[in-house]
C-alpha atoms as a PDB file:
ATOM      1  CA  MET A   1      -1.407 -12.399 -11.458  1.00  0.00           C
ATOM      2  CA  ALA A   2      -0.582  -8.899 -10.501  1.00  0.00           C
ATOM      3  CA  THR A   3       2.765  -7.591  -8.396  1.00  0.00           C
ATOM      4  CA  THR A   4       2.483  -6.262  -5.329  1.00  0.00           C
ATOM      5  CA  PHE A   5       3.002  -2.786  -6.754  1.00  0.00           C
ATOM      6  CA  GLU A   6       0.574  -2.895  -8.977  1.00  0.00           C
ATOM      7  CA  VAL A   7      -2.548  -4.117  -6.349  1.00  0.00           C
ATOM      8  CA  LEU A   8      -1.192  -1.223  -4.071  1.00  0.00           C
ATOM      9  CA  GLN A   9      -1.578   1.123  -7.239  1.00  0.00           C
ATOM     10  CA  THR A  10      -5.309   0.215  -6.835  1.00  0.00           C
ATOM     11  CA  ILE A  11      -5.783   0.084  -3.373  1.00  0.00           C
ATOM     12  CA  ILE A  12      -4.773   3.628  -3.338  1.00  0.00           C
ATOM     13  CA  THR A  13      -6.381   5.054  -5.950  1.00  0.00           C
ATOM     14  CA  GLU A  14      -9.754   3.334  -5.084  1.00  0.00           C
ATOM     15  CA  THR A  15      -8.546   3.939  -1.130  1.00  0.00           C
ATOM     16  CA  PHE A  16      -8.799   7.566  -1.215  1.00  0.00           C
ATOM     17  CA  ASP A  17     -10.939   8.026  -4.347  1.00  0.00           C
ATOM     18  CA  GLN A  18      -8.263   9.267  -6.761  1.00  0.00           C
ATOM     19  CA  ASP A  19      -8.646   8.937 -10.496  1.00  0.00           C
ATOM     20  CA  LEU A  20      -7.124   6.005 -11.650  1.00  0.00           C
ATOM     21  CA  THR A  21      -6.389   6.453 -15.243  1.00  0.00           C
ATOM     22  CA  THR A  22      -4.658  10.007 -13.655  1.00  0.00           C
ATOM     23  CA  ASN A  23      -2.916   8.391 -10.938  1.00  0.00           C
ATOM     24  CA  ILE A  24      -2.136   4.676 -11.752  1.00  0.00           C
ATOM     25  CA  THR A  25       0.320   6.283 -13.598  1.00  0.00           C
ATOM     26  CA  THR A  26       1.878   8.718 -11.370  1.00  0.00           C
ATOM     27  CA  ILE A  27       2.060   6.937  -8.251  1.00  0.00           C
ATOM     28  CA  THR A  28       5.801   5.195  -8.030  1.00  0.00           C
ATOM     29  CA  PRO A  29       7.388   3.029  -5.568  1.00  0.00           C
ATOM     30  CA  GLU A  30       9.349   6.423  -5.039  1.00  0.00           C
ATOM     31  CA  SER A  31       6.093   8.158  -4.571  1.00  0.00           C
ATOM     32  CA  THR A  32       6.201   9.614  -0.574  1.00  0.00           C
ATOM     33  CA  LEU A  33       2.625   8.733   1.193  1.00  0.00           C
ATOM     34  CA  ALA A  34       3.022  13.164   1.522  1.00  0.00           C
ATOM     35  CA  GLU A  35       2.999  13.424  -2.116  1.00  0.00           C
ATOM     36  CA  LEU A  36      -0.003  11.384  -2.663  1.00  0.00           C
ATOM     37  CA  ASN A  37      -1.675  13.510   0.137  1.00  0.00           C
ATOM     38  CA  ILE A  38      -2.381  10.422   2.415  1.00  0.00           C
ATOM     39  CA  GLU A  39      -1.718  11.811   6.095  1.00  0.00           C
ATOM     40  CA  SER A  40      -0.956  10.510   9.192  1.00  0.00           C
ATOM     41  CA  LEU A  41      -5.305   9.019  10.021  1.00  0.00           C
ATOM     42  CA  GLU A  42      -5.158   7.969   6.037  1.00  0.00           C
ATOM     43  CA  MET A  43      -2.513   5.480   7.024  1.00  0.00           C
ATOM     44  CA  PHE A  44      -4.718   3.690   8.596  1.00  0.00           C
ATOM     45  CA  ASP A  45      -7.710   2.869   5.702  1.00  0.00           C
ATOM     46  CA  LEU A  46      -4.575   2.259   3.568  1.00  0.00           C
ATOM     47  CA  ILE A  47      -3.623  -0.808   5.626  1.00  0.00           C
ATOM     48  CA  PHE A  48      -6.874  -1.839   6.637  1.00  0.00           C
ATOM     49  CA  ALA A  49      -7.434  -2.421   2.534  1.00  0.00           C
ATOM     50  CA  VAL A  50      -4.035  -4.128   2.169  1.00  0.00           C
ATOM     51  CA  GLU A  51      -4.273  -6.389   5.112  1.00  0.00           C
ATOM     52  CA  ASP A  52      -7.950  -7.471   3.393  1.00  0.00           C
ATOM     53  CA  ALA A  53      -6.258  -7.342  -0.603  1.00  0.00           C
ATOM     54  CA  PHE A  54      -3.547  -9.853   1.092  1.00  0.00           C
ATOM     55  CA  ASP A  55      -4.960 -11.542   3.668  1.00  0.00           C
ATOM     56  CA  ILE A  56      -2.466 -10.228   5.806  1.00  0.00           C
ATOM     57  CA  SER A  57      -2.427  -8.802   9.539  1.00  0.00           C
ATOM     58  CA  VAL A  58       0.572  -6.423  10.181  1.00  0.00           C
ATOM     59  CA  PRO A  59       1.853  -5.371  13.284  1.00  0.00           C
ATOM     60  CA  ASN A  60       1.183  -1.783  14.281  1.00  0.00           C
ATOM     61  CA  ASP A  61       5.019  -1.792  14.620  1.00  0.00           C
ATOM     62  CA  GLN A  62       5.484  -2.378  10.934  1.00  0.00           C
ATOM     63  CA  LEU A  63       4.036   1.172  10.233  1.00  0.00           C
ATOM     64  CA  LYS A  64       7.318   3.175   9.240  1.00  0.00           C
ATOM     65  CA  ILE A  65       7.072   3.380   5.961  1.00  0.00           C
ATOM     66  CA  GLU A  66       7.617   6.986   4.239  1.00  0.00           C
ATOM     67  CA  THR A  67       7.333   5.619   0.201  1.00  0.00           C
ATOM     68  CA  VAL A  68       4.874   3.473  -2.132  1.00  0.00           C
ATOM     69  CA  GLN A  69       7.662   0.831  -2.174  1.00  0.00           C
ATOM     70  CA  ASP A  70       8.705   0.933   2.343  1.00  0.00           C
ATOM     71  CA  ILE A  71       4.985  -0.645   1.558  1.00  0.00           C
ATOM     72  CA  VAL A  72       5.833  -2.885  -1.492  1.00  0.00           C
ATOM     73  CA  ASN A  73       8.471  -3.899   1.091  1.00  0.00           C
ATOM     74  CA  LEU A  74       6.418  -4.793   3.882  1.00  0.00           C
ATOM     75  CA  VAL A  75       3.633  -6.444   2.171  1.00  0.00           C
ATOM     76  CA  ASP A  76       6.238  -9.038   0.986  1.00  0.00           C
ATOM     77  CA  ARG A  77       8.322  -9.351   3.966  1.00  0.00           C
ATOM     78  CA  LEU A  78       4.352 -10.227   5.816  1.00  0.00           C
ATOM     79  CA  CYS A  79       3.169 -12.082   2.831  1.00  0.00           C
ATOM     80  CA  VAL A  80       5.966 -15.120   3.396  1.00  0.00           C
ATOM     81  CA  LYS A  81       5.789 -14.680   7.401  1.00  0.00           C
ATOM     82  CA  GLN A  82       2.823 -15.514   7.374  1.00  0.00           C
ATOM     83  CA  GLY A  83       2.851 -18.049   4.756  1.00  0.00           C
ATOM     84  CA  LYS A  84       0.699 -16.253   1.944  1.00  0.00           C
ATOM     85  CA  ILE A  85       3.444 -17.156  -0.749  1.00  0.00           C
END
């Protein structure tokens, strides 16, 4: 089973039409959304994809994220809270 981080790597590459073979290795937990060229409006596309992939609901007040690891932490926390694990 893929980890939250691995699923997120795939979501980012697919959602933002990036080359999977090139970017899968460049997306690290420490990568910032700015480094990945994910702008504030595109963040909603990312969140919608994350909600679909993990069958969770992300409250708007939870969107204070800067890095990929921030998203991983948020997803893991929400999965536990929403009974998805």
